[in-house]
Amino acid sequence: MSGDLGNSYNIDIWGLLIALGMVAVAAIISELMHMGIGKTLMWSSCRALVQLCAMGFIIGYVIRSNNVWMVFSLMAVMLVAAVQIVMSRARGIPKGLAGPIFLSLVITMLLMLTLVTELIVRPHPWYAPQLVVPLTGMLLGNTVTALAVGLSRFYESMEERRDEVDMMLALGATPWESARPSIVSSIRLGLLPTTASLASSGIVTIPGMMAGQVIAGGDPLNAAKYQFVVLDAIAALTLLADGLIMVMIYRTCFTADDHAHVR
């Protein structure tokens, strides 16, 4: 096929097998070097293939059905999975945070999706599955990582600052004032990948959404606009979700009287 705009290039089963073969070669090399990640790498690749193809079939069905309840049902499943991933990736966090994490994601996701769909893209119908479902996946995928990193950093920082926090509490500081340096540190760390992507996009890298649209035959300029909107939405969502979850959980680091010791 020629390289004119509008062409798309499909990947057949042999292409998928060759892609798996590339990972298999890397896995073999890692085993020969005794790195201990070969099996994990191969298993993760096979799992990604199955999950992505399954999601492709599901999204295709949801788009063809064009039913608002199916769209929201799929979003709900994705949100629950996102909470589980955050809980599994975050290190050193207490139990019982699934509720606050889910609530923070629901609030911030609905806000961001509403802004993007109603004010920026304005699709018809407003719940257009081909826009809402992939956008939800992209937003959640980046926010989940930021939340896991931010939560891990917050509890690690509070433990490192135990004596400092005790002193601040003894001098009359509120729990929020004593926890604020750790909160700021965790939010900044969670935002680092997003700000790096914003800074390098279009110069160093062509992000995934833009590259995918161009490869699929879309207009490159329009793909660039969509990518910009998605990156900005991810940055705003990450900051809002991180900030909201910190407001909801920072008191878990303190004893019941809020003026004694950090747990």
C-alpha atoms as a PDB file:
ATOM      1  CA  MET A   1       0.000   0.000   0.000  1.00  0.00           C
ATOM      2  CA  SER A   2       1.116   3.544  -0.589  1.00  0.00           C
ATOM      3  CA  GLY A   3       1.861   5.962   2.206  1.00  0.00           C
ATOM      4  CA  ASP A   4      -0.927   8.419   1.351  1.00  0.00           C
ATOM      5  CA  LEU A   5      -3.073   9.901   4.096  1.00  0.00           C
ATOM      6  CA  GLY A   6      -6.182   7.881   4.789  1.00  0.00           C
ATOM      7  CA  ASN A   7      -4.589   4.439   4.386  1.00  0.00           C
ATOM      8  CA  SER A   8      -4.632   2.027   7.292  1.00  0.00           C
ATOM      9  CA  TYR A   9      -2.417  -0.990   7.846  1.00  0.00           C
ATOM     10  CA  ASN A  10      -3.933  -4.042   9.486  1.00  0.00           C
ATOM     11  CA  ILE A  11      -1.889  -6.518  11.527  1.00  0.00           C
ATOM     12  CA  ASP A  12      -2.567 -10.190  10.819  1.00  0.00           C
ATOM     13  CA  ILE A  13      -1.954 -13.195  13.071  1.00  0.00           C
ATOM     14  CA  TRP A  14       1.589 -13.597  11.758  1.00  0.00           C
ATOM     15  CA  GLY A  15       2.382 -10.042  12.790  1.00  0.00           C
ATOM     16  CA  LEU A  16       1.206 -10.773  16.327  1.00  0.00           C
ATOM     17  CA  LEU A  17       3.279 -13.964  16.455  1.00  0.00           C
ATOM     18  CA  ILE A  18       6.377 -12.097  15.275  1.00  0.00           C
ATOM     19  CA  ALA A  19       5.797  -9.462  17.971  1.00  0.00           C
ATOM     20  CA  LEU A  20       5.577 -12.238  20.577  1.00  0.00           C
ATOM     21  CA  GLY A  21       8.731 -13.721  19.072  1.00  0.00           C
ATOM     22  CA  MET A  22      10.615 -10.463  19.682  1.00  0.00           C
ATOM     23  CA  VAL A  23       9.656 -10.605  23.348  1.00  0.00           C
ATOM     24  CA  ALA A  24      10.596 -14.297  23.463  1.00  0.00           C
ATOM     25  CA  VAL A  25      14.099 -13.481  22.191  1.00  0.00           C
ATOM     26  CA  ALA A  26      14.464 -10.779  24.845  1.00  0.00           C
ATOM     27  CA  ALA A  27      13.230 -13.241  27.489  1.00  0.00           C
ATOM     28  CA  ILE A  28      15.764 -15.869  26.389  1.00  0.00           C
ATOM     29  CA  ILE A  29      18.574 -13.317  26.546  1.00  0.00           C
ATOM     30  CA  SER A  30      17.499 -12.291  30.052  1.00  0.00           C
ATOM     31  CA  GLU A  31      17.525 -15.944  31.149  1.00  0.00           C
ATOM     32  CA  LEU A  32      20.988 -16.491  29.669  1.00  0.00           C
ATOM     33  CA  MET A  33      22.174 -13.465  31.626  1.00  0.00           C
ATOM     34  CA  HIS A  34      20.488 -14.844  34.785  1.00  0.00           C
ATOM     35  CA  MET A  35      18.392 -11.692  35.202  1.00  0.00           C
ATOM     36  CA  GLY A  36      15.400 -13.662  36.429  1.00  0.00           C
ATOM     37  CA  ILE A  37      12.785 -11.688  34.484  1.00  0.00           C
ATOM     38  CA  GLY A  38      12.445 -13.797  31.340  1.00  0.00           C
ATOM     39  CA  LYS A  39       9.379 -15.774  32.411  1.00  0.00           C
ATOM     40  CA  THR A  40       7.685 -12.680  33.835  1.00  0.00           C
ATOM     41  CA  LEU A  41       8.353 -10.754  30.631  1.00  0.00           C
ATOM     42  CA  MET A  42       6.951 -13.510  28.432  1.00  0.00           C
ATOM     43  CA  TRP A  43       3.922 -14.095  30.626  1.00  0.00           C
ATOM     44  CA  SER A  44       3.166 -10.369  30.783  1.00  0.00           C
ATOM     45  CA  SER A  45       3.375 -10.113  26.998  1.00  0.00           C
ATOM     46  CA  CYS A  46       0.995 -13.038  26.439  1.00  0.00           C
ATOM     47  CA  ARG A  47      -1.372 -11.660  29.041  1.00  0.00           C
ATOM     48  CA  ALA A  48      -1.307  -8.222  27.396  1.00  0.00           C
ATOM     49  CA  LEU A  49      -2.149  -9.758  24.017  1.00  0.00           C
ATOM     50  CA  VAL A  50      -5.159 -11.620  25.426  1.00  0.00           C
ATOM     51  CA  GLN A  51      -6.381  -8.638  27.444  1.00  0.00           C
ATOM     52  CA  LEU A  52      -6.004  -6.143  24.608  1.00  0.00           C
ATOM     53  CA  CYS A  53      -7.719  -8.376  22.051  1.00  0.00           C
ATOM     54  CA  ALA A  54     -10.538  -9.077  24.514  1.00  0.00           C
ATOM     55  CA  MET A  55     -10.944  -5.358  25.173  1.00  0.00           C
ATOM     56  CA  GLY A  56     -10.933  -4.757  21.421  1.00  0.00           C
ATOM     57  CA  PHE A  57     -13.837  -7.160  20.954  1.00  0.00           C
ATOM     58  CA  ILE A  58     -15.697  -5.655  23.919  1.00  0.00           C
ATOM     59  CA  ILE A  59     -15.230  -2.059  22.761  1.00  0.00           C
ATOM     60  CA  GLY A  60     -16.301  -3.057  19.260  1.00  0.00           C
ATOM     61  CA  TYR A  61     -19.489  -4.584  20.641  1.00  0.00           C
ATOM     62  CA  VAL A  62     -20.209  -1.556  22.833  1.00  0.00           C
ATOM     63  CA  ILE A  63     -19.674   0.828  19.909  1.00  0.00           C
ATOM     64  CA  ARG A  64     -22.008  -1.180  17.662  1.00  0.00           C
ATOM     65  CA  SER A  65     -24.678  -1.357  20.367  1.00  0.00           C
ATOM     66  CA  ASN A  66     -24.403   2.404  21.030  1.00  0.00           C
ATOM     67  CA  ASN A  67     -26.116   1.930  24.398  1.00  0.00           C
ATOM     68  CA  VAL A  68     -25.425   4.400  27.207  1.00  0.00           C
ATOM     69  CA  TRP A  69     -25.873   1.753  29.939  1.00  0.00           C
ATOM     70  CA  MET A  70     -23.326  -0.527  28.328  1.00  0.00           C
ATOM     71  CA  VAL A  71     -20.875   2.373  28.194  1.00  0.00           C
ATOM     72  CA  PHE A  72     -21.327   3.134  31.884  1.00  0.00           C
ATOM     73  CA  SER A  73     -21.164  -0.550  32.806  1.00  0.00           C
ATOM     74  CA  LEU A  74     -17.821  -0.924  31.043  1.00  0.00           C
ATOM     75  CA  MET A  75     -16.558   2.242  32.727  1.00  0.00           C
ATOM     76  CA  ALA A  76     -17.597   0.856  36.122  1.00  0.00           C
ATOM     77  CA  VAL A  77     -15.667  -2.359  35.494  1.00  0.00           C
ATOM     78  CA  MET A  78     -12.610  -0.334  34.483  1.00  0.00           C
ATOM     79  CA  LEU A  79     -12.867   1.793  37.645  1.00  0.00           C
ATOM     80  CA  VAL A  80     -13.060  -1.265  39.905  1.00  0.00           C
ATOM     81  CA  ALA A  81     -10.046  -2.787  38.139  1.00  0.00           C
ATOM     82  CA  ALA A  82      -8.185   0.514  38.536  1.00  0.00           C
ATOM     83  CA  VAL A  83      -8.766   0.484  42.297  1.00  0.00           C
ATOM     84  CA  GLN A  84      -7.435  -3.062  42.557  1.00  0.00           C
ATOM     85  CA  ILE A  85      -4.337  -2.124  40.567  1.00  0.00           C
ATOM     86  CA  VAL A  86      -3.643   0.904  42.766  1.00  0.00           C
ATOM     87  CA  MET A  87      -3.989  -1.225  45.905  1.00  0.00           C
ATOM     88  CA  SER A  88      -1.635  -3.887  44.523  1.00  0.00           C
ATOM     89  CA  ARG A  89       1.022  -1.463  43.274  1.00  0.00           C
ATOM     90  CA  ALA A  90       1.127   0.952  46.218  1.00  0.00           C
ATOM     91  CA  ARG A  91       3.640  -0.150  48.847  1.00  0.00           C
ATOM     92  CA  GLY A  92       3.322   0.318  52.590  1.00  0.00           C
ATOM     93  CA  ILE A  93      -0.258   1.581  52.617  1.00  0.00           C
ATOM     94  CA  PRO A  94      -2.796   0.541  55.265  1.00  0.00           C
ATOM     95  CA  LYS A  95      -5.822  -1.612  54.535  1.00  0.00           C
ATOM     96  CA  GLY A  96      -9.217  -0.081  53.940  1.00  0.00           C
ATOM     97  CA  LEU A  97      -8.263   2.491  51.303  1.00  0.00           C
ATOM     98  CA  ALA A  98     -10.235   0.896  48.462  1.00  0.00           C
ATOM     99  CA  GLY A  99     -13.298   3.049  49.209  1.00  0.00           C
ATOM    100  CA  PRO A 100     -11.511   6.422  49.223  1.00  0.00           C
ATOM    101  CA  ILE A 101      -9.525   5.481  46.105  1.00  0.00           C
ATOM    102  CA  PHE A 102     -12.683   4.468  44.236  1.00  0.00           C
ATOM    103  CA  LEU A 103     -14.520   7.623  45.333  1.00  0.00           C
ATOM    104  CA  SER A 104     -11.668   9.918  44.306  1.00  0.00           C
ATOM    105  CA  LEU A 105     -11.413   8.240  40.878  1.00  0.00           C
ATOM    106  CA  VAL A 106     -15.176   8.388  40.288  1.00  0.00           C
ATOM    107  CA  ILE A 107     -15.441  12.078  41.197  1.00  0.00           C
ATOM    108  CA  THR A 108     -12.420  13.246  39.234  1.00  0.00           C
ATOM    109  CA  MET A 109     -13.054  10.946  36.255  1.00  0.00           C
ATOM    110  CA  LEU A 110     -16.651  12.096  35.837  1.00  0.00           C
ATOM    111  CA  LEU A 111     -15.563  15.725  36.105  1.00  0.00           C
ATOM    112  CA  MET A 112     -12.806  15.342  33.524  1.00  0.00           C
ATOM    113  CA  LEU A 113     -14.905  13.270  31.104  1.00  0.00           C
ATOM    114  CA  THR A 114     -17.687  15.837  31.312  1.00  0.00           C
ATOM    115  CA  LEU A 115     -15.313  18.688  30.514  1.00  0.00           C
ATOM    116  CA  VAL A 116     -13.680  16.865  27.594  1.00  0.00           C
ATOM    117  CA  THR A 117     -16.866  15.509  26.020  1.00  0.00           C
ATOM    118  CA  GLU A 118     -19.229  18.424  26.624  1.00  0.00           C
ATOM    119  CA  LEU A 119     -16.921  21.427  26.227  1.00  0.00           C
ATOM    120  CA  ILE A 120     -14.096  20.276  23.954  1.00  0.00           C
ATOM    121  CA  VAL A 121     -15.089  17.414  21.628  1.00  0.00           C
ATOM    122  CA  ARG A 122     -18.904  17.709  21.861  1.00  0.00           C
ATOM    123  CA  PRO A 123     -19.789  14.327  20.307  1.00  0.00           C
ATOM    124  CA  HIS A 124     -23.246  13.142  19.227  1.00  0.00           C
ATOM    125  CA  PRO A 125     -24.519  11.333  21.177  1.00  0.00           C
ATOM    126  CA  TRP A 126     -22.842  12.753  24.272  1.00  0.00           C
ATOM    127  CA  TYR A 127     -21.880   9.255  25.479  1.00  0.00           C
ATOM    128  CA  ALA A 128     -20.278   8.281  22.122  1.00  0.00           C
ATOM    129  CA  PRO A 129     -18.624   4.914  22.967  1.00  0.00           C
ATOM    130  CA  GLN A 130     -15.769   5.340  20.482  1.00  0.00           C
ATOM    131  CA  LEU A 131     -14.710   8.452  22.417  1.00  0.00           C
ATOM    132  CA  VAL A 132     -15.754   7.840  26.031  1.00  0.00           C
ATOM    133  CA  VAL A 133     -14.465   4.276  26.477  1.00  0.00           C
ATOM    134  CA  PRO A 134     -10.925   4.775  25.069  1.00  0.00           C
ATOM    135  CA  LEU A 135     -10.665   8.134  26.844  1.00  0.00           C
ATOM    136  CA  THR A 136     -11.614   6.503  30.139  1.00  0.00           C
ATOM    137  CA  GLY A 137      -8.937   3.855  29.609  1.00  0.00           C
ATOM    138  CA  MET A 138      -6.229   6.395  28.821  1.00  0.00           C
ATOM    139  CA  LEU A 139      -7.105   8.622  31.766  1.00  0.00           C
ATOM    140  CA  LEU A 140      -7.308   5.730  34.220  1.00  0.00           C
ATOM    141  CA  GLY A 141      -4.134   4.087  32.944  1.00  0.00           C
ATOM    142  CA  ASN A 142      -2.034   7.134  33.750  1.00  0.00           C
ATOM    143  CA  THR A 143      -3.856   8.142  36.931  1.00  0.00           C
ATOM    144  CA  VAL A 144      -3.575   4.656  38.440  1.00  0.00           C
ATOM    145  CA  THR A 145       0.204   4.794  38.237  1.00  0.00           C
ATOM    146  CA  ALA A 146       0.316   8.302  39.698  1.00  0.00           C
ATOM    147  CA  LEU A 147      -1.975   7.339  42.587  1.00  0.00           C
ATOM    148  CA  ALA A 148       0.055   4.232  43.429  1.00  0.00           C
ATOM    149  CA  VAL A 149       3.296   6.215  43.414  1.00  0.00           C
ATOM    150  CA  GLY A 150       1.760   9.105  45.354  1.00  0.00           C
ATOM    151  CA  LEU A 151       0.247   6.915  48.070  1.00  0.00           C
ATOM    152  CA  SER A 152       3.473   4.949  48.496  1.00  0.00           C
ATOM    153  CA  ARG A 153       5.475   8.143  48.764  1.00  0.00           C
ATOM    154  CA  PHE A 154       3.044   9.742  51.233  1.00  0.00           C
ATOM    155  CA  TYR A 155       3.166   6.922  53.785  1.00  0.00           C
ATOM    156  CA  GLU A 156       6.917   6.512  53.314  1.00  0.00           C
ATOM    157  CA  SER A 157       7.446  10.229  53.889  1.00  0.00           C
ATOM    158  CA  MET A 158       5.231  10.282  56.971  1.00  0.00           C
ATOM    159  CA  GLU A 159       7.236   7.421  58.455  1.00  0.00           C
ATOM    160  CA  GLU A 160      10.523   9.201  57.677  1.00  0.00           C
ATOM    161  CA  ARG A 161       9.195  12.420  59.247  1.00  0.00           C
ATOM    162  CA  ARG A 162       7.763  10.742  62.348  1.00  0.00           C
ATOM    163  CA  ASP A 163       9.836  12.773  64.823  1.00  0.00           C
ATOM    164  CA  GLU A 164       9.271  16.002  62.913  1.00  0.00           C
ATOM    165  CA  VAL A 165       5.521  15.421  62.814  1.00  0.00           C
ATOM    166  CA  ASP A 166       5.408  14.605  66.526  1.00  0.00           C
ATOM    167  CA  MET A 167       7.228  17.851  67.261  1.00  0.00           C
ATOM    168  CA  MET A 168       4.886  19.881  65.039  1.00  0.00           C
ATOM    169  CA  LEU A 169       1.859  18.349  66.752  1.00  0.00           C
ATOM    170  CA  ALA A 170       3.347  19.072  70.179  1.00  0.00           C
ATOM    171  CA  LEU A 171       3.857  22.711  69.186  1.00  0.00           C
ATOM    172  CA  GLY A 172       0.192  23.043  68.245  1.00  0.00           C
ATOM    173  CA  ALA A 173       0.180  22.285  64.522  1.00  0.00           C
ATOM    174  CA  THR A 174      -2.919  20.603  63.116  1.00  0.00           C
ATOM    175  CA  PRO A 175      -2.678  17.141  61.519  1.00  0.00           C
ATOM    176  CA  TRP A 176      -3.111  18.771  58.099  1.00  0.00           C
ATOM    177  CA  GLU A 177      -0.273  21.235  58.701  1.00  0.00           C
ATOM    178  CA  SER A 178       2.054  18.490  59.898  1.00  0.00           C
ATOM    179  CA  ALA A 179       1.160  16.179  56.992  1.00  0.00           C
ATOM    180  CA  ARG A 180       1.271  18.886  54.303  1.00  0.00           C
ATOM    181  CA  PRO A 181       4.994  18.499  53.357  1.00  0.00           C
ATOM    182  CA  SER A 182       4.447  14.782  52.750  1.00  0.00           C
ATOM    183  CA  ILE A 183       1.283  15.486  50.763  1.00  0.00           C
ATOM    184  CA  VAL A 184       3.042  18.003  48.529  1.00  0.00           C
ATOM    185  CA  SER A 185       5.975  15.644  48.020  1.00  0.00           C
ATOM    186  CA  SER A 186       3.723  12.745  47.029  1.00  0.00           C
ATOM    187  CA  ILE A 187       1.659  14.806  44.571  1.00  0.00           C
ATOM    188  CA  ARG A 188       4.792  16.183  42.918  1.00  0.00           C
ATOM    189  CA  LEU A 189       6.234  12.701  42.523  1.00  0.00           C
ATOM    190  CA  GLY A 190       2.990  11.399  41.043  1.00  0.00           C
ATOM    191  CA  LEU A 191       2.916  14.249  38.513  1.00  0.00           C
ATOM    192  CA  LEU A 192       6.490  13.810  37.295  1.00  0.00           C
ATOM    193  CA  PRO A 193       5.745  11.306  34.466  1.00  0.00           C
ATOM    194  CA  THR A 194       2.854  13.450  33.216  1.00  0.00           C
ATOM    195  CA  THR A 195       4.826  16.691  33.169  1.00  0.00           C
ATOM    196  CA  ALA A 196       7.701  14.890  31.436  1.00  0.00           C
ATOM    197  CA  SER A 197       5.292  13.623  28.753  1.00  0.00           C
ATOM    198  CA  LEU A 198       3.896  17.107  28.235  1.00  0.00           C
ATOM    199  CA  ALA A 199       7.366  18.590  27.885  1.00  0.00           C
ATOM    200  CA  SER A 200       8.667  15.979  25.429  1.00  0.00           C
ATOM    201  CA  SER A 201       5.555  15.452  23.280  1.00  0.00           C
ATOM    202  CA  GLY A 202       5.980  16.508  19.682  1.00  0.00           C
ATOM    203  CA  ILE A 203       9.745  17.001  20.012  1.00  0.00           C
ATOM    204  CA  VAL A 204      11.210  13.858  21.511  1.00  0.00           C
ATOM    205  CA  THR A 205       8.189  11.560  21.290  1.00  0.00           C
ATOM    206  CA  ILE A 206       4.988  11.030  19.338  1.00  0.00           C
ATOM    207  CA  PRO A 207       2.595   9.786  22.070  1.00  0.00           C
ATOM    208  CA  GLY A 208       0.578   6.620  21.675  1.00  0.00           C
ATOM    209  CA  MET A 209      -2.823   8.094  20.863  1.00  0.00           C
ATOM    210  CA  MET A 210      -1.459  10.383  18.147  1.00  0.00           C
ATOM    211  CA  ALA A 211       0.722   7.643  16.679  1.00  0.00           C
ATOM    212  CA  GLY A 212      -2.199   5.203  16.705  1.00  0.00           C
ATOM    213  CA  GLN A 213      -4.506   7.581  14.855  1.00  0.00           C
ATOM    214  CA  VAL A 214      -1.881   8.384  12.243  1.00  0.00           C
ATOM    215  CA  ILE A 215      -1.068   4.700  11.685  1.00  0.00           C
ATOM    216  CA  ALA A 216      -4.804   3.996  11.390  1.00  0.00           C
ATOM    217  CA  GLY A 217      -5.041   6.564   8.586  1.00  0.00           C
ATOM    218  CA  GLY A 218      -6.265   9.585  10.543  1.00  0.00           C
ATOM    219  CA  ASP A 219      -5.293  13.181   9.843  1.00  0.00           C
ATOM    220  CA  PRO A 220      -1.998  13.895  11.677  1.00  0.00           C
ATOM    221  CA  LEU A 221      -3.010  17.419  12.705  1.00  0.00           C
ATOM    222  CA  ASN A 222      -6.322  16.252  14.123  1.00  0.00           C
ATOM    223  CA  ALA A 223      -4.492  13.418  15.892  1.00  0.00           C
ATOM    224  CA  ALA A 224      -2.137  15.990  17.421  1.00  0.00           C
ATOM    225  CA  LYS A 225      -5.102  17.991  18.730  1.00  0.00           C
ATOM    226  CA  TYR A 226      -6.643  14.921  20.342  1.00  0.00           C
ATOM    227  CA  GLN A 227      -3.314  13.990  21.902  1.00  0.00           C
ATOM    228  CA  PHE A 228      -2.919  17.467  23.367  1.00  0.00           C
ATOM    229  CA  VAL A 229      -6.396  17.330  24.904  1.00  0.00           C
ATOM    230  CA  VAL A 230      -5.723  13.877  26.361  1.00  0.00           C
ATOM    231  CA  LEU A 231      -2.359  14.892  27.853  1.00  0.00           C
ATOM    232  CA  ASP A 232      -3.863  17.989  29.450  1.00  0.00           C
ATOM    233  CA  ALA A 233      -6.798  15.961  30.784  1.00  0.00           C
ATOM    234  CA  ILE A 234      -4.387  13.403  32.249  1.00  0.00           C
ATOM    235  CA  ALA A 235      -2.358  16.144  33.946  1.00  0.00           C
ATOM    236  CA  ALA A 236      -5.448  17.778  35.444  1.00  0.00           C
ATOM    237  CA  LEU A 237      -6.967  14.452  36.486  1.00  0.00           C
ATOM    238  CA  THR A 238      -3.740  13.265  38.097  1.00  0.00           C
ATOM    239  CA  LEU A 239      -3.434  16.421  40.185  1.00  0.00           C
ATOM    240  CA  LEU A 240      -7.102  16.403  41.196  1.00  0.00           C
ATOM    241  CA  ALA A 241      -7.204  12.679  42.015  1.00  0.00           C
ATOM    242  CA  ASP A 242      -3.948  12.817  43.975  1.00  0.00           C
ATOM    243  CA  GLY A 243      -5.042  15.892  45.886  1.00  0.00           C
ATOM    244  CA  LEU A 244      -8.491  14.506  46.667  1.00  0.00           C
ATOM    245  CA  ILE A 245      -7.225  11.140  47.892  1.00  0.00           C
ATOM    246  CA  MET A 246      -4.682  12.855  50.138  1.00  0.00           C
ATOM    247  CA  VAL A 247      -7.395  14.998  51.708  1.00  0.00           C
ATOM    248  CA  MET A 248      -9.427  11.852  52.309  1.00  0.00           C
ATOM    249  CA  ILE A 249      -6.697   9.630  53.797  1.00  0.00           C
ATOM    250  CA  TYR A 250      -4.073  11.794  55.506  1.00  0.00           C
ATOM    251  CA  ARG A 251      -5.695  11.315  58.927  1.00  0.00           C
ATOM    252  CA  THR A 252      -4.999   7.568  58.726  1.00  0.00           C
ATOM    253  CA  CYS A 253      -1.442   8.424  59.781  1.00  0.00           C
ATOM    254  CA  PHE A 254      -2.583   9.789  63.140  1.00  0.00           C
ATOM    255  CA  THR A 255      -3.989   8.301  66.315  1.00  0.00           C
ATOM    256  CA  ALA A 256      -7.554   8.942  67.350  1.00  0.00           C
ATOM    257  CA  ASP A 257      -6.848  12.165  69.282  1.00  0.00           C
ATOM    258  CA  ASP A 258      -4.948  13.668  66.324  1.00  0.00           C
ATOM    259  CA  HIS A 259      -2.334  15.070  68.688  1.00  0.00           C
ATOM    260  CA  ALA A 260      -0.304  12.129  69.878  1.00  0.00           C
ATOM    261  CA  HIS A 261       1.859  10.148  67.511  1.00  0.00           C
ATOM    262  CA  VAL A 262       2.116   9.184  63.883  1.00  0.00           C
ATOM    263  CA  ARG A 263       1.105   5.594  63.331  1.00  0.00           C
END
